[in-house]
Amino acid sequence: MTETDYRRKLNELNRLLNDPEAPLQPQLVWTLLAEIAHHDAGRVAAPDAHGHAG
C-alpha cells in the first residue's frame, strides 16, 4: 500500500468513526482497521539502517 493509500484509509476510518452524519458500516471499519494494522506492522518490523526494528 502506498503512503497515499494509507492516508486515504486513515481519513476514511476517521470519517466513519467521528462524523455523526456518516452511516455506521462495521464491515468497512474492520476492513480498514485490518489494512492499516497490516501496513503499520510492516513499518514497525522493518529494521532501520542500523539493524534495529522501528
Protein backbone atom coordinates (compact mmCIF):
# COMPACT_ATOMS: atom_id res chain seq x y z
CA MET A 1 0.00 0.00 0.00
CA THR A 2 1.34 3.41 -0.89
CA GLU A 3 1.53 6.24 1.62
CA THR A 4 -1.26 7.97 -0.29
CA ASP A 5 -3.49 4.88 0.09
CA TYR A 6 -2.55 4.64 3.76
CA ARG A 7 -3.51 8.27 4.42
CA ARG A 8 -6.74 7.86 2.44
CA LYS A 9 -7.71 4.81 4.51
CA LEU A 10 -6.90 6.62 7.77
CA ASN A 11 -9.01 9.59 6.69
CA GLU A 12 -11.91 7.33 5.71
CA LEU A 13 -11.71 5.47 9.03
CA ASN A 14 -11.64 8.76 10.89
CA ARG A 15 -14.70 9.93 8.97
CA LEU A 16 -16.62 6.71 9.63
CA LEU A 17 -15.88 6.82 13.34
CA ASN A 18 -16.23 10.54 14.02
CA ASP A 19 -18.70 12.03 11.55
CA PRO A 20 -22.15 11.86 13.14
CA GLU A 21 -23.73 12.02 9.68
CA ALA A 22 -21.74 9.06 8.31
CA PRO A 23 -23.71 5.80 8.37
CA LEU A 24 -22.24 3.08 10.56
CA GLN A 25 -20.54 0.48 8.35
CA PRO A 26 -18.96 -2.08 10.72
CA GLN A 27 -17.56 -4.32 7.97
CA LEU A 28 -15.81 -1.38 6.30
CA VAL A 29 -14.44 -0.16 9.65
CA TRP A 30 -12.97 -3.61 10.38
CA THR A 31 -11.56 -3.92 6.87
CA LEU A 32 -9.87 -0.53 7.09
CA LEU A 33 -8.51 -1.34 10.55
CA ALA A 34 -7.04 -4.63 9.31
CA GLU A 35 -5.41 -2.97 6.29
CA ILE A 36 -4.00 -0.13 8.40
CA ALA A 37 -2.72 -2.55 11.05
CA HIS A 38 -1.07 -4.72 8.41
CA HIS A 39 0.64 -1.66 6.93
CA ASP A 40 1.74 -0.42 10.37
CA ALA A 41 3.10 -3.84 11.33
CA GLY A 42 5.28 -3.85 8.24
CA ARG A 43 6.57 -0.38 9.06
CA VAL A 44 7.35 -1.23 12.69
CA ALA A 45 9.02 -4.56 11.93
CA ALA A 46 11.30 -3.22 9.19
CA PRO A 47 14.84 -2.70 10.50
CA ASP A 48 16.44 0.69 10.14
CA ALA A 49 19.88 1.38 8.68
CA HIS A 50 21.46 0.19 11.94
CA GLY A 51 19.56 -3.11 12.02
CA HIS A 52 17.12 -2.06 14.74
CA ALA A 53 13.40 -2.66 14.44
CA GLY A 54 11.46 0.59 14.08
